[in-house]
């Protein structure tokens, strides 16, 4: 199974955050599962770090490198992803989350998230 990680979940994995449940950790380590992160997540981290948000003090270069080194596929943001945002219901206003949802829909993969609001979208979204 191929899945796209939302930004928060990607950070939790790298930081071995206590909110990352053992079951989720086991799923992430299973060799039959493939995971990707979006360029938009790195962009989100860079923007929020530049704004000096206390919850985004991570160097986006380091985060990107670690995800790649750990075997996560980097997914670019393409035009077909961007236009899909237009079809999403207005459940969530965060543009970074909306592009992640659109990417998962267009690519036919599951979006993994810890955000209950994102999980309200139709399609293959799994709250962990």
Foldseek 3Di string as FASTA:
>chain_A
DEEEEALVVLVCVVVVPPVCDPVNVVVVPDPVYAYAYEPLSLVVLVVVCVVVDVVRVDNSVVSVVVCVVVRHHYDYQDPQLVVQLVVWDPQDDPPSLSSSLSVCVVVVHEYEACDVSSVPTDDRYHHD
